Amino acid sequence: MYPTLKATVQNGKIQLLEDIGLPENAMLLVTVMDDALSDTFSLGEHLIAGLQDIASGRVVQINSSEELHSYLDSVLGKA
């Protein structure tokens, strides 16, 4: 099991902040933290909410960069 990793988005791509080798085709759980919400909730609170989403079946599988852009636009209210 891998530790929790921090990442940012650079030029539309997720970039890990730590240098860690991940196995090919590894599945990642991504919690999007909007700047406005990051002041309201701690990282732990975001993670708890993400785990509650998983337990409730509120997950989305993204298979392409186009799907990711579309999903993030809808979640962040940019659609």
PDB file of N, CA and C in Angstrom:
ATOM      1  N   MET A   1       0.844  -1.172   0.000  1.00  0.00           N
ATOM      2  CA  MET A   1       0.000   0.000   0.000  1.00  0.00           C
ATOM      3  C   MET A   1       0.893   1.239   0.000  1.00  0.00           C
ATOM      4  N   TYR A   2       0.502   2.219  -0.771  1.00  0.00           N
ATOM      5  CA  TYR A   2       1.294   3.435  -0.909  1.00  0.00           C
ATOM      6  C   TYR A   2       0.790   4.511   0.039  1.00  0.00           C
ATOM      7  N   PRO A   3       1.650   5.452   0.415  1.00  0.00           N
ATOM      8  CA  PRO A   3       1.212   6.556   1.262  1.00  0.00           C
ATOM      9  C   PRO A   3       0.344   7.525   0.466  1.00  0.00           C
ATOM     10  N   THR A   4      -0.316   8.411   1.177  1.00  0.00           N
ATOM     11  CA  THR A   4      -1.062   9.476   0.510  1.00  0.00           C
ATOM     12  C   THR A   4      -0.064  10.408  -0.160  1.00  0.00           C
ATOM     13  N   LEU A   5      -0.295  10.720  -1.414  1.00  0.00           N
ATOM     14  CA  LEU A   5       0.605  11.572  -2.184  1.00  0.00           C
ATOM     15  C   LEU A   5      -0.085  12.890  -2.490  1.00  0.00           C
ATOM     16  N   LYS A   6       0.667  13.967  -2.457  1.00  0.00           N
ATOM     17  CA  LYS A   6       0.132  15.263  -2.860  1.00  0.00           C
ATOM     18  C   LYS A   6       0.478  15.506  -4.321  1.00  0.00           C
ATOM     19  N   ALA A   7      -0.418  16.205  -5.002  1.00  0.00           N
ATOM     20  CA  ALA A   7      -0.205  16.512  -6.413  1.00  0.00           C
ATOM     21  C   ALA A   7      -0.843  17.855  -6.734  1.00  0.00           C
ATOM     22  N   THR A   8      -0.409  18.445  -7.822  1.00  0.00           N
ATOM     23  CA  THR A   8      -1.023  19.666  -8.339  1.00  0.00           C
ATOM     24  C   THR A   8      -1.336  19.430  -9.815  1.00  0.00           C
ATOM     25  N   VAL A   9      -2.018  20.375 -10.407  1.00  0.00           N
ATOM     26  CA  VAL A   9      -2.299  20.301 -11.837  1.00  0.00           C
ATOM     27  C   VAL A   9      -1.439  21.349 -12.529  1.00  0.00           C
ATOM     28  N   GLN A  10      -0.626  20.915 -13.471  1.00  0.00           N
ATOM     29  CA  GLN A  10       0.237  21.790 -14.254  1.00  0.00           C
ATOM     30  C   GLN A  10      -0.056  21.546 -15.727  1.00  0.00           C
ATOM     31  N   ASN A  11      -0.429  22.596 -16.445  1.00  0.00           N
ATOM     32  CA  ASN A  11      -0.751  22.475 -17.873  1.00  0.00           C
ATOM     33  C   ASN A  11      -1.793  21.392 -18.137  1.00  0.00           C
ATOM     34  N   GLY A  12      -2.786  21.302 -17.244  1.00  0.00           N
ATOM     35  CA  GLY A  12      -3.877  20.356 -17.428  1.00  0.00           C
ATOM     36  C   GLY A  12      -3.555  18.918 -17.078  1.00  0.00           C
ATOM     37  N   LYS A  13      -2.374  18.664 -16.501  1.00  0.00           N
ATOM     38  CA  LYS A  13      -1.991  17.298 -16.144  1.00  0.00           C
ATOM     39  C   LYS A  13      -1.696  17.227 -14.655  1.00  0.00           C
ATOM     40  N   ILE A  14      -2.047  16.093 -14.061  1.00  0.00           N
ATOM     41  CA  ILE A  14      -1.764  15.879 -12.646  1.00  0.00           C
ATOM     42  C   ILE A  14      -0.278  15.597 -12.488  1.00  0.00           C
ATOM     43  N   GLN A  15       0.373  16.343 -11.585  1.00  0.00           N
ATOM     44  CA  GLN A  15       1.808  16.183 -11.351  1.00  0.00           C
ATOM     45  C   GLN A  15       2.023  15.892  -9.872  1.00  0.00           C
ATOM     46  N   LEU A  16       2.639  14.737  -9.576  1.00  0.00           N
ATOM     47  CA  LEU A  16       2.929  14.384  -8.191  1.00  0.00           C
ATOM     48  C   LEU A  16       3.994  15.319  -7.630  1.00  0.00           C
ATOM     49  N   LEU A  17       3.848  15.685  -6.352  1.00  0.00           N
ATOM     50  CA  LEU A  17       4.834  16.553  -5.714  1.00  0.00           C
ATOM     51  C   LEU A  17       5.982  15.749  -5.112  1.00  0.00           C
ATOM     52  N   GLU A  18       5.787  14.435  -4.946  1.00  0.00           N
ATOM     53  CA  GLU A  18       6.848  13.567  -4.461  1.00  0.00           C
ATOM     54  C   GLU A  18       7.374  12.726  -5.621  1.00  0.00           C
ATOM     55  N   ASP A  19       8.645  12.371  -5.560  1.00  0.00           N
ATOM     56  CA  ASP A  19       9.237  11.515  -6.588  1.00  0.00           C
ATOM     57  C   ASP A  19       9.098  10.067  -6.128  1.00  0.00           C
ATOM     58  N   ILE A  20       8.060   9.403  -6.618  1.00  0.00           N
ATOM     59  CA  ILE A  20       7.805   8.020  -6.220  1.00  0.00           C
ATOM     60  C   ILE A  20       7.459   7.216  -7.467  1.00  0.00           C
ATOM     61  N   GLY A  21       7.997   6.030  -7.548  1.00  0.00           N
ATOM     62  CA  GLY A  21       7.686   5.162  -8.676  1.00  0.00           C
ATOM     63  C   GLY A  21       6.389   4.410  -8.420  1.00  0.00           C
ATOM     64  N   LEU A  22       5.443   4.553  -9.311  1.00  0.00           N
ATOM     65  CA  LEU A  22       4.179   3.833  -9.203  1.00  0.00           C
ATOM     66  C   LEU A  22       4.149   2.725 -10.244  1.00  0.00           C
ATOM     67  N   PRO A  23       3.509   1.605  -9.918  1.00  0.00           N
ATOM     68  CA  PRO A  23       3.431   0.528 -10.905  1.00  0.00           C
ATOM     69  C   PRO A  23       2.606   0.946 -12.116  1.00  0.00           C
ATOM     70  N   GLU A  24       2.954   0.402 -13.271  1.00  0.00           N
ATOM     71  CA  GLU A  24       2.214   0.685 -14.501  1.00  0.00           C
ATOM     72  C   GLU A  24       0.746   0.317 -14.308  1.00  0.00           C
ATOM     73  N   ASN A  25      -0.141   1.161 -14.806  1.00  0.00           N
ATOM     74  CA  ASN A  25      -1.594   0.969 -14.719  1.00  0.00           C
ATOM     75  C   ASN A  25      -2.134   1.034 -13.295  1.00  0.00           C
ATOM     76  N   ALA A  26      -1.398   1.674 -12.382  1.00  0.00           N
ATOM     77  CA  ALA A  26      -1.894   1.834 -11.014  1.00  0.00           C
ATOM     78  C   ALA A  26      -3.153   2.695 -11.038  1.00  0.00           C
ATOM     79  N   MET A  27      -4.131   2.327 -10.220  1.00  0.00           N
ATOM     80  CA  MET A  27      -5.348   3.118 -10.121  1.00  0.00           C
ATOM     81  C   MET A  27      -5.177   4.090  -8.961  1.00  0.00           C
ATOM     82  N   LEU A  28      -5.522   5.353  -9.185  1.00  0.00           N
ATOM     83  CA  LEU A  28      -5.357   6.390  -8.176  1.00  0.00           C
ATOM     84  C   LEU A  28      -6.703   6.948  -7.763  1.00  0.00           C
ATOM     85  N   LEU A  29      -6.828   7.293  -6.500  1.00  0.00           N
ATOM     86  CA  LEU A  29      -7.994   7.999  -5.984  1.00  0.00           C
ATOM     87  C   LEU A  29      -7.604   9.466  -5.899  1.00  0.00           C
ATOM     88  N   VAL A  30      -8.344  10.325  -6.576  1.00  0.00           N
ATOM     89  CA  VAL A  30      -8.015  11.748  -6.622  1.00  0.00           C
ATOM     90  C   VAL A  30      -9.117  12.536  -5.931  1.00  0.00           C
ATOM     91  N   THR A  31      -8.747  13.373  -4.977  1.00  0.00           N
ATOM     92  CA  THR A  31      -9.690  14.272  -4.324  1.00  0.00           C
ATOM     93  C   THR A  31      -9.364  15.683  -4.777  1.00  0.00           C
ATOM     94  N   VAL A  32     -10.284  16.315  -5.491  1.00  0.00           N
ATOM     95  CA  VAL A  32     -10.060  17.668  -5.999  1.00  0.00           C
ATOM     96  C   VAL A  32     -10.346  18.657  -4.882  1.00  0.00           C
ATOM     97  N   MET A  33      -9.365  19.517  -4.592  1.00  0.00           N
ATOM     98  CA  MET A  33      -9.517  20.525  -3.549  1.00  0.00           C
ATOM     99  C   MET A  33      -9.512  21.895  -4.201  1.00  0.00           C
ATOM    100  N   ASP A  34     -10.672  22.487  -4.299  1.00  0.00           N
ATOM    101  CA  ASP A  34     -10.822  23.831  -4.836  1.00  0.00           C
ATOM    102  C   ASP A  34     -10.164  24.819  -3.876  1.00  0.00           C
ATOM    103  N   ASP A  35      -9.541  25.875  -4.400  1.00  0.00           N
ATOM    104  CA  ASP A  35      -8.880  26.866  -3.546  1.00  0.00           C
ATOM    105  C   ASP A  35      -9.827  27.465  -2.522  1.00  0.00           C
ATOM    106  N   ALA A  36     -11.060  27.739  -2.915  1.00  0.00           N
ATOM    107  CA  ALA A  36     -12.027  28.339  -1.998  1.00  0.00           C
ATOM    108  C   ALA A  36     -12.347  27.390  -0.849  1.00  0.00           C
ATOM    109  N   LEU A  37     -12.430  26.099  -1.136  1.00  0.00           N
ATOM    110  CA  LEU A  37     -12.754  25.128  -0.095  1.00  0.00           C
ATOM    111  C   LEU A  37     -11.556  24.770   0.769  1.00  0.00           C
ATOM    112  N   SER A  38     -10.348  24.913   0.242  1.00  0.00           N
ATOM    113  CA  SER A  38      -9.171  24.519   1.015  1.00  0.00           C
ATOM    114  C   SER A  38      -8.993  25.393   2.248  1.00  0.00           C
ATOM    115  N   ASP A  39      -9.555  26.605   2.229  1.00  0.00           N
ATOM    116  CA  ASP A  39      -9.497  27.461   3.414  1.00  0.00           C
ATOM    117  C   ASP A  39     -10.538  27.050   4.444  1.00  0.00           C
ATOM    118  N   THR A  40     -11.600  26.373   3.997  1.00  0.00           N
ATOM    119  CA  THR A  40     -12.706  26.003   4.869  1.00  0.00           C
ATOM    120  C   THR A  40     -12.482  24.654   5.538  1.00  0.00           C
ATOM    121  N   PHE A  41     -11.960  23.688   4.789  1.00  0.00           N
ATOM    122  CA  PHE A  41     -11.793  22.329   5.290  1.00  0.00           C
ATOM    123  C   PHE A  41     -10.322  21.942   5.312  1.00  0.00           C
ATOM    124  N   SER A  42      -9.951  21.136   6.302  1.00  0.00           N
ATOM    125  CA  SER A  42      -8.579  20.633   6.369  1.00  0.00           C
ATOM    126  C   SER A  42      -8.412  19.492   5.367  1.00  0.00           C
ATOM    127  N   LEU A  43      -7.181  19.106   5.109  1.00  0.00           N
ATOM    128  CA  LEU A  43      -6.909  17.976   4.223  1.00  0.00           C
ATOM    129  C   LEU A  43      -7.589  16.721   4.757  1.00  0.00           C
ATOM    130  N   GLY A  44      -7.527  16.524   6.065  1.00  0.00           N
ATOM    131  CA  GLY A  44      -8.174  15.362   6.677  1.00  0.00           C
ATOM    132  C   GLY A  44      -9.669  15.347   6.436  1.00  0.00           C
ATOM    133  N   GLU A  45     -10.308  16.505   6.540  1.00  0.00           N
ATOM    134  CA  GLU A  45     -11.752  16.591   6.290  1.00  0.00           C
ATOM    135  C   GLU A  45     -12.076  16.279   4.834  1.00  0.00           C
ATOM    136  N   HIS A  46     -11.231  16.733   3.919  1.00  0.00           N
ATOM    137  CA  HIS A  46     -11.414  16.397   2.500  1.00  0.00           C
ATOM    138  C   HIS A  46     -11.276  14.891   2.279  1.00  0.00           C
ATOM    139  N   LEU A  47     -10.286  14.281   2.917  1.00  0.00           N
ATOM    140  CA  LEU A  47     -10.084  12.841   2.762  1.00  0.00           C
ATOM    141  C   LEU A  47     -11.256  12.049   3.333  1.00  0.00           C
ATOM    142  N   ILE A  48     -11.762  12.475   4.490  1.00  0.00           N
ATOM    143  CA  ILE A  48     -12.922  11.808   5.088  1.00  0.00           C
ATOM    144  C   ILE A  48     -14.117  11.895   4.145  1.00  0.00           C
ATOM    145  N   ALA A  49     -14.347  13.071   3.583  1.00  0.00           N
ATOM    146  CA  ALA A  49     -15.462  13.242   2.640  1.00  0.00           C
ATOM    147  C   ALA A  49     -15.270  12.348   1.417  1.00  0.00           C
ATOM    148  N   GLY A  50     -14.033  12.240   0.935  1.00  0.00           N
ATOM    149  CA  GLY A  50     -13.753  11.379  -0.210  1.00  0.00           C
ATOM    150  C   GLY A  50     -14.024   9.918   0.096  1.00  0.00           C
ATOM    151  N   LEU A  51     -13.634   9.474   1.290  1.00  0.00           N
ATOM    152  CA  LEU A  51     -13.892   8.089   1.679  1.00  0.00           C
ATOM    153  C   LEU A  51     -15.385   7.831   1.848  1.00  0.00           C
ATOM    154  N   GLN A  52     -16.120   8.826   2.342  1.00  0.00           N
ATOM    155  CA  GLN A  52     -17.575   8.689   2.447  1.00  0.00           C
ATOM    156  C   GLN A  52     -18.193   8.561   1.054  1.00  0.00           C
ATOM    157  N   ASP A  53     -17.669   9.312   0.094  1.00  0.00           N
ATOM    158  CA  ASP A  53     -18.155   9.196  -1.287  1.00  0.00           C
ATOM    159  C   ASP A  53     -17.933   7.783  -1.821  1.00  0.00           C
ATOM    160  N   ILE A  54     -16.764   7.221  -1.561  1.00  0.00           N
ATOM    161  CA  ILE A  54     -16.456   5.867  -2.028  1.00  0.00           C
ATOM    162  C   ILE A  54     -17.402   4.863  -1.377  1.00  0.00           C
ATOM    163  N   ALA A  55     -17.579   4.977  -0.061  1.00  0.00           N
ATOM    164  CA  ALA A  55     -18.459   4.049   0.652  1.00  0.00           C
ATOM    165  C   ALA A  55     -19.895   4.135   0.148  1.00  0.00           C
ATOM    166  N   SER A  56     -20.309   5.317  -0.308  1.00  0.00           N
ATOM    167  CA  SER A  56     -21.675   5.523  -0.802  1.00  0.00           C
ATOM    168  C   SER A  56     -21.805   5.230  -2.296  1.00  0.00           C
ATOM    169  N   GLY A  57     -20.693   4.883  -2.943  1.00  0.00           N
ATOM    170  CA  GLY A  57     -20.734   4.584  -4.371  1.00  0.00           C
ATOM    171  C   GLY A  57     -20.715   5.807  -5.260  1.00  0.00           C
ATOM    172  N   ARG A  58     -20.390   6.969  -4.705  1.00  0.00           N
ATOM    173  CA  ARG A  58     -20.333   8.201  -5.503  1.00  0.00           C
ATOM    174  C   ARG A  58     -18.913   8.380  -6.043  1.00  0.00           C
ATOM    175  N   VAL A  59     -18.565   7.559  -7.004  1.00  0.00           N
ATOM    176  CA  VAL A  59     -17.245   7.637  -7.631  1.00  0.00           C
ATOM    177  C   VAL A  59     -17.422   7.711  -9.143  1.00  0.00           C
ATOM    178  N   VAL A  60     -16.442   8.276  -9.807  1.00  0.00           N
ATOM    179  CA  VAL A  60     -16.466   8.409 -11.260  1.00  0.00           C
ATOM    180  C   VAL A  60     -15.139   7.885 -11.787  1.00  0.00           C
ATOM    181  N   GLN A  61     -15.200   7.022 -12.785  1.00  0.00           N
ATOM    182  CA  GLN A  61     -13.973   6.542 -13.420  1.00  0.00           C
ATOM    183  C   GLN A  61     -13.733   7.373 -14.663  1.00  0.00           C
ATOM    184  N   ILE A  62     -12.541   7.944 -14.763  1.00  0.00           N
ATOM    185  CA  ILE A  62     -12.158   8.792 -15.888  1.00  0.00           C
ATOM    186  C   ILE A  62     -11.156   8.021 -16.737  1.00  0.00           C
ATOM    187  N   ASN A  63     -11.403   7.966 -18.051  1.00  0.00           N
ATOM    188  CA  ASN A  63     -10.543   7.178 -18.934  1.00  0.00           C
ATOM    189  C   ASN A  63      -9.781   7.998 -19.964  1.00  0.00           C
ATOM    190  N   SER A  64      -9.987   9.304 -19.987  1.00  0.00           N
ATOM    191  CA  SER A  64      -9.266  10.123 -20.962  1.00  0.00           C
ATOM    192  C   SER A  64      -9.125  11.540 -20.419  1.00  0.00           C
ATOM    193  N   SER A  65      -8.215  12.293 -21.009  1.00  0.00           N
ATOM    194  CA  SER A  65      -8.033  13.681 -20.572  1.00  0.00           C
ATOM    195  C   SER A  65      -9.270  14.513 -20.881  1.00  0.00           C
ATOM    196  N   GLU A  66      -9.972  14.190 -21.969  1.00  0.00           N
ATOM    197  CA  GLU A  66     -11.197  14.923 -22.305  1.00  0.00           C
ATOM    198  C   GLU A  66     -12.262  14.698 -21.240  1.00  0.00           C
ATOM    199  N   GLU A  67     -12.411  13.440 -20.792  1.00  0.00           N
ATOM    200  CA  GLU A  67     -13.372  13.139 -19.730  1.00  0.00           C
ATOM    201  C   GLU A  67     -12.998  13.870 -18.447  1.00  0.00           C
ATOM    202  N   LEU A  68     -11.699  13.926 -18.135  1.00  0.00           N
ATOM    203  CA  LEU A  68     -11.250  14.616 -16.930  1.00  0.00           C
ATOM    204  C   LEU A  68     -11.576  16.097 -17.004  1.00  0.00           C
ATOM    205  N   HIS A  69     -11.277  16.744 -18.124  1.00  0.00           N
ATOM    206  CA  HIS A  69     -11.576  18.173 -18.282  1.00  0.00           C
ATOM    207  C   HIS A  69     -13.066  18.430 -18.128  1.00  0.00           C
ATOM    208  N   SER A  70     -13.878  17.624 -18.770  1.00  0.00           N
ATOM    209  CA  SER A  70     -15.325  17.791 -18.709  1.00  0.00           C
ATOM    210  C   SER A  70     -15.837  17.610 -17.287  1.00  0.00           C
ATOM    211  N   TYR A  71     -15.338  16.581 -16.606  1.00  0.00           N
ATOM    212  CA  TYR A  71     -15.783  16.316 -15.241  1.00  0.00           C
ATOM    213  C   TYR A  71     -15.363  17.440 -14.296  1.00  0.00           C
ATOM    214  N   LEU A  72     -14.111  17.867 -14.381  1.00  0.00           N
ATOM    215  CA  LEU A  72     -13.646  18.943 -13.502  1.00  0.00           C
ATOM    216  C   LEU A  72     -14.399  20.239 -13.767  1.00  0.00           C
ATOM    217  N   ASP A  73     -14.689  20.538 -15.028  1.00  0.00           N
ATOM    218  CA  ASP A  73     -15.474  21.733 -15.343  1.00  0.00           C
ATOM    219  C   ASP A  73     -16.844  21.666 -14.687  1.00  0.00           C
ATOM    220  N   SER A  74     -17.478  20.492 -14.718  1.00  0.00           N
ATOM    221  CA  SER A  74     -18.807  20.373 -14.116  1.00  0.00           C
ATOM    222  C   SER A  74     -18.739  20.457 -12.596  1.00  0.00           C
ATOM    223  N   VAL A  75     -17.724  19.841 -11.989  1.00  0.00           N
ATOM    224  CA  VAL A  75     -17.587  19.858 -10.533  1.00  0.00           C
ATOM    225  C   VAL A  75     -17.244  21.254 -10.024  1.00  0.00           C
ATOM    226  N   LEU A  76     -16.377  21.942 -10.734  1.00  0.00           N
ATOM    227  CA  LEU A  76     -15.927  23.262 -10.287  1.00  0.00           C
ATOM    228  C   LEU A  76     -16.807  24.389 -10.814  1.00  0.00           C
ATOM    229  N   GLY A  77     -17.907  24.040 -11.480  1.00  0.00           N
ATOM    230  CA  GLY A  77     -18.874  25.041 -11.929  1.00  0.00           C
ATOM    231  C   GLY A  77     -18.429  25.861 -13.111  1.00  0.00           C
ATOM    232  N   LYS A  78     -17.581  25.295 -13.961  1.00  0.00           N
ATOM    233  CA  LYS A  78     -17.088  26.035 -15.122  1.00  0.00           C
ATOM    234  C   LYS A  78     -17.769  25.598 -16.409  1.00  0.00           C
ATOM    235  N   ALA A  79     -18.760  24.724 -16.294  1.00  0.00           N
ATOM    236  CA  ALA A  79     -19.445  24.215 -17.497  1.00  0.00           C
ATOM    237  C   ALA A  79     -20.479  25.196 -17.990  1.00  0.00           C
TER     238      ALA A  79
END
